Amino acid sequence: MHSLLWLPLILTLLIAAGCTKAPEAAEPAARRAETAAAKPATQETDSRPTIVAFGDSLSEGLGVEPGGSFPDQLQQRLDKAGYQYHIVNLGVSGDTTTGGIGRLDYALSFKPSVVILELGGNDGLRGLPVAATKANLERMITTFQSAGASVLLAGMTLPPNYGPDYIRQFEAAYRDLAAKYKVRLIPFLMQDIATQIGKRKGLMQRDGIHPTAEGHAIIADTVFRFLQPMLKKA
């Protein structure tokens, strides 16, 4: 993917993916504890195979009403298309791949059939070593696969001020892992929403950094397109 083609559109969108929290701030840690404290009651009675959305603010749907996040809207698309899967949203705003490692056991407790792995954006925005981010993503991919889950990896890119070398390494980490472990890759999760900025209004919230429910609908369409070949109909 050539990130320069999307500039300057992606600058704002990438901040949204990172959720501009302080590195390893108290809130992400608190949210992780909150998430781990109680498994949704619906999971106890829902017998459908589980899809876990494992990510940061984009998965969480920060700033949108309940039902507006892309995992929520993805569930609607699955139901309409006749796919018998139940999505569990494990998005935590501000989370990094290190935070994701800390939440692996909880994610596995849902016995997912599929994991939408949407992490790494915060790592890049904080300028963390790409090798460490890649190693964390690799550990998550192999752990999920060893537990019997298929992985859909959501790729990301970075603003130009991070420098072409760092951006190339960052983008390549997703491609390399997808190829090595034969996982499906969304090259740039925000690609379709980026192409609509300037053509359609109402895709971003007032803060200019988080998608609205309408913006999340575009992301849900993107994810659904890549996810479909991984699913089985009842």
Protein backbone atom coordinates (compact mmCIF):
# COMPACT_ATOMS: atom_id res chain seq x y z
CA MET A 1 0.00 0.00 0.00
CA HIS A 2 1.28 3.45 -0.82
CA SER A 3 0.40 5.58 2.19
CA LEU A 4 1.24 8.87 0.46
CA LEU A 5 -1.77 8.40 -1.80
CA TRP A 6 -4.05 8.96 1.17
CA LEU A 7 -2.41 12.08 2.54
CA PRO A 8 -3.47 14.41 3.97
CA LEU A 9 -6.76 12.57 4.53
CA ILE A 10 -5.38 9.86 6.77
CA LEU A 11 -3.72 12.15 9.32
CA THR A 12 -6.95 12.79 11.16
CA LEU A 13 -8.15 9.23 10.71
CA LEU A 14 -5.00 7.74 12.14
CA ILE A 15 -5.29 9.83 15.26
CA ALA A 16 -8.77 8.40 15.58
CA ALA A 17 -7.41 4.88 15.41
CA GLY A 18 -4.93 5.69 18.13
CA CYS A 19 -7.42 7.52 20.29
CA THR A 20 -4.80 10.09 21.35
CA LYS A 21 -4.48 8.94 24.94
CA ALA A 22 -1.25 9.25 26.87
CA PRO A 23 0.97 6.20 26.44
CA GLU A 24 -0.09 3.41 28.79
CA ALA A 25 -2.28 5.92 30.64
CA ALA A 26 -4.45 4.98 33.58
CA GLU A 27 -7.64 4.93 31.51
CA PRO A 28 -6.63 2.10 29.13
CA ALA A 29 -5.50 0.06 32.14
CA ALA A 30 -8.78 0.75 33.87
CA ARG A 31 -10.74 -0.12 30.77
CA ARG A 32 -8.86 -3.40 30.47
CA ALA A 33 -9.75 -4.21 34.06
CA GLU A 34 -13.36 -3.24 33.39
CA THR A 35 -13.49 -5.43 30.32
CA ALA A 36 -12.02 -8.39 32.15
CA ALA A 37 -14.33 -8.01 35.11
CA ALA A 38 -17.51 -9.28 33.54
CA LYS A 39 -18.21 -11.43 30.51
CA PRO A 40 -21.36 -10.25 28.72
CA ALA A 41 -24.37 -12.22 29.88
CA THR A 42 -25.38 -12.89 26.28
CA GLN A 43 -22.20 -14.93 25.80
CA GLU A 44 -23.39 -17.41 28.42
CA THR A 45 -26.55 -18.23 26.46
CA ASP A 46 -25.57 -17.54 22.85
CA SER A 47 -24.62 -20.81 21.20
CA ARG A 48 -23.45 -19.27 17.93
CA PRO A 49 -19.73 -19.32 17.04
CA THR A 50 -17.99 -16.21 18.37
CA ILE A 51 -16.15 -13.50 16.46
CA VAL A 52 -13.99 -11.37 18.75
CA ALA A 53 -13.21 -7.80 17.69
CA PHE A 54 -9.88 -7.30 19.47
CA GLY A 55 -8.73 -3.72 19.10
CA ASP A 56 -8.55 -0.12 20.28
CA SER A 57 -10.90 2.88 19.97
CA LEU A 58 -11.98 1.94 16.46
CA SER A 59 -13.35 -1.38 17.68
CA GLU A 60 -14.70 0.10 20.88
CA GLY A 61 -16.64 2.76 18.98
CA LEU A 62 -15.52 5.66 21.14
CA GLY A 63 -18.00 8.53 21.03
CA VAL A 64 -20.86 6.77 19.24
CA GLU A 65 -24.12 5.56 20.72
CA PRO A 66 -24.52 1.87 21.61
CA GLY A 67 -25.01 -0.08 18.40
CA GLY A 68 -23.01 2.38 16.31
CA SER A 69 -19.54 0.85 16.42
CA PHE A 70 -18.30 -1.10 13.43
CA PRO A 71 -18.51 -4.44 15.33
CA ASP A 72 -22.15 -3.69 16.18
CA GLN A 73 -22.92 -2.77 12.60
CA LEU A 74 -20.98 -5.77 11.36
CA GLN A 75 -23.26 -7.97 13.47
CA GLN A 76 -26.25 -6.50 11.65
CA ARG A 77 -24.67 -7.35 8.29
CA LEU A 78 -23.91 -10.90 9.38
CA ASP A 79 -27.47 -11.41 10.60
CA LYS A 80 -28.96 -10.01 7.42
CA ALA A 81 -26.75 -12.21 5.24
CA GLY A 82 -27.64 -15.34 7.19
CA TYR A 83 -24.34 -15.92 8.99
CA GLN A 84 -24.88 -17.44 12.43
CA TYR A 85 -22.06 -15.76 14.36
CA HIS A 86 -22.01 -13.67 17.52
CA ILE A 87 -19.61 -10.72 17.73
CA VAL A 88 -17.98 -9.83 21.06
CA ASN A 89 -16.48 -6.35 21.11
CA LEU A 90 -13.21 -6.27 23.04
CA GLY A 91 -12.06 -2.85 21.86
CA VAL A 92 -10.25 -0.70 24.45
CA SER A 93 -9.48 2.95 23.67
CA GLY A 94 -5.81 3.81 23.80
CA ASP A 95 -4.67 0.20 23.82
CA THR A 96 -1.37 -0.90 22.30
CA THR A 97 -0.18 -4.31 21.20
CA THR A 98 1.39 -4.68 24.65
CA GLY A 99 -2.03 -4.10 26.17
CA GLY A 100 -3.42 -6.67 23.77
CA ILE A 101 -0.95 -9.27 25.04
CA GLY A 102 -2.22 -8.57 28.53
CA ARG A 103 -5.81 -9.27 27.43
CA LEU A 104 -5.13 -12.46 25.47
CA ASP A 105 -6.37 -14.88 28.11
CA TYR A 106 -9.63 -12.98 28.47
CA ALA A 107 -10.17 -12.96 24.71
CA LEU A 108 -9.51 -16.70 24.58
CA SER A 109 -12.12 -17.29 27.30
CA PHE A 110 -14.76 -16.57 24.63
CA LYS A 111 -13.44 -19.48 22.55
CA PRO A 112 -13.50 -17.40 19.35
CA SER A 113 -13.88 -18.97 15.95
CA VAL A 114 -12.61 -15.77 14.32
CA VAL A 115 -10.63 -12.82 15.69
CA ILE A 116 -10.58 -9.41 14.02
CA LEU A 117 -7.18 -8.20 15.21
CA GLU A 118 -7.21 -4.40 15.11
CA LEU A 119 -4.19 -3.26 17.11
CA GLY A 120 -0.88 -1.53 16.40
CA GLY A 121 -2.09 1.96 15.50
CA ASN A 122 -1.22 3.34 18.92
CA ASP A 123 2.20 1.73 18.77
CA GLY A 124 2.94 3.53 15.52
CA LEU A 125 1.61 6.88 16.70
CA ARG A 126 3.87 6.65 19.73
CA GLY A 127 6.86 5.81 17.56
CA LEU A 128 7.47 2.49 19.29
CA PRO A 129 9.98 0.12 17.69
CA VAL A 130 8.32 -1.69 14.81
CA ALA A 131 10.10 -4.91 15.76
CA ALA A 132 8.38 -4.90 19.16
CA THR A 133 4.97 -4.18 17.63
CA LYS A 134 5.46 -6.93 15.08
CA ALA A 135 6.55 -9.39 17.76
CA ASN A 136 3.44 -8.62 19.83
CA LEU A 137 1.14 -9.01 16.83
CA GLU A 138 2.89 -12.25 15.95
CA ARG A 139 2.36 -13.59 19.47
CA MET A 140 -1.33 -12.70 19.32
CA ILE A 141 -1.79 -14.29 15.90
CA THR A 142 -0.07 -17.54 16.87
CA THR A 143 -1.90 -17.70 20.20
CA PHE A 144 -5.28 -17.27 18.55
CA GLN A 145 -4.43 -19.75 15.81
CA SER A 146 -3.22 -22.31 18.33
CA ALA A 147 -6.58 -21.99 20.07
CA GLY A 148 -8.33 -22.80 16.79
CA ALA A 149 -9.35 -19.29 15.76
CA SER A 150 -8.94 -17.78 12.30
CA VAL A 151 -7.47 -14.27 12.29
CA LEU A 152 -8.44 -11.28 10.16
CA LEU A 153 -5.63 -8.74 10.51
CA ALA A 154 -6.53 -5.06 10.15
CA GLY A 155 -3.61 -3.09 8.76
CA MET A 156 -2.85 0.57 9.38
CA THR A 157 -0.51 3.29 8.14
CA LEU A 158 0.91 6.49 9.65
CA PRO A 159 1.11 10.24 8.97
CA PRO A 160 4.05 11.40 6.85
CA ASN A 161 5.86 13.13 9.71
CA TYR A 162 6.89 9.70 11.00
CA GLY A 163 9.25 9.40 8.05
CA PRO A 164 9.16 7.11 5.01
CA ASP A 165 11.46 4.46 6.49
CA TYR A 166 9.43 4.03 9.68
CA ILE A 167 6.15 4.04 7.75
CA ARG A 168 7.41 1.40 5.31
CA GLN A 169 8.56 -0.83 8.15
CA PHE A 170 5.27 -0.32 10.00
CA GLU A 171 3.09 -1.19 7.00
CA ALA A 172 5.33 -4.10 6.05
CA ALA A 173 4.94 -5.67 9.50
CA TYR A 174 1.27 -6.38 8.78
CA ARG A 175 1.98 -7.71 5.30
CA ASP A 176 4.83 -9.92 6.50
CA LEU A 177 2.78 -11.45 9.31
CA ALA A 178 -0.20 -12.04 7.05
CA ALA A 179 1.99 -13.87 4.56
CA LYS A 180 3.92 -15.85 7.17
CA TYR A 181 0.86 -17.08 9.05
CA LYS A 182 -1.54 -17.18 6.09
CA VAL A 183 -4.05 -14.80 7.65
CA ARG A 184 -6.37 -12.52 5.70
CA LEU A 185 -5.22 -8.91 5.70
CA ILE A 186 -7.16 -5.68 5.33
CA PRO A 187 -4.28 -3.57 3.98
CA PHE A 188 -5.63 -0.31 5.44
CA LEU A 189 -8.71 -0.51 7.66
CA MET A 190 -9.60 3.15 7.04
CA GLN A 191 -9.14 3.04 3.27
CA ASP A 192 -12.81 3.23 2.30
CA ILE A 193 -13.66 5.95 4.81
CA ALA A 194 -10.61 7.96 3.67
CA THR A 195 -11.84 7.94 0.07
CA GLN A 196 -15.20 9.35 1.21
CA ILE A 197 -13.81 12.30 3.20
CA GLY A 198 -14.45 15.41 1.14
CA LYS A 199 -17.29 13.72 -0.75
CA ARG A 200 -19.62 13.02 2.17
CA LYS A 201 -20.26 14.93 5.37
CA GLY A 202 -21.01 13.46 8.76
CA LEU A 203 -18.41 10.72 8.73
CA MET A 204 -16.37 12.17 11.60
CA GLN A 205 -17.35 13.39 15.04
CA ARG A 206 -16.99 17.01 16.17
CA ASP A 207 -13.54 16.35 17.57
CA GLY A 208 -12.47 15.58 14.01
CA ILE A 209 -10.64 12.47 15.11
CA HIS A 210 -13.27 9.77 15.64
CA PRO A 211 -15.74 8.31 13.11
CA THR A 212 -19.44 8.81 13.57
CA ALA A 213 -21.86 5.90 13.37
CA GLU A 214 -22.03 6.59 9.63
CA GLY A 215 -18.26 6.42 9.42
CA HIS A 216 -18.29 3.17 11.35
CA ALA A 217 -20.81 1.84 8.83
CA ILE A 218 -18.19 2.27 6.09
CA ILE A 219 -15.63 0.42 8.19
CA ALA A 220 -18.18 -2.34 8.85
CA ASP A 221 -18.68 -2.72 5.09
CA THR A 222 -14.91 -3.02 4.61
CA VAL A 223 -14.53 -5.61 7.35
CA PHE A 224 -17.56 -7.58 6.14
CA ARG A 225 -16.09 -7.79 2.64
CA PHE A 226 -12.83 -9.28 3.92
CA LEU A 227 -14.52 -11.43 6.57
CA GLN A 228 -17.08 -13.19 4.39
CA PRO A 229 -14.69 -15.74 2.82
CA MET A 230 -13.72 -16.85 6.35
CA LEU A 231 -17.29 -17.66 7.42
CA LYS A 232 -19.68 -20.55 7.00
CA LYS A 233 -23.40 -20.17 6.60
CA ALA A 234 -25.73 -22.20 8.78
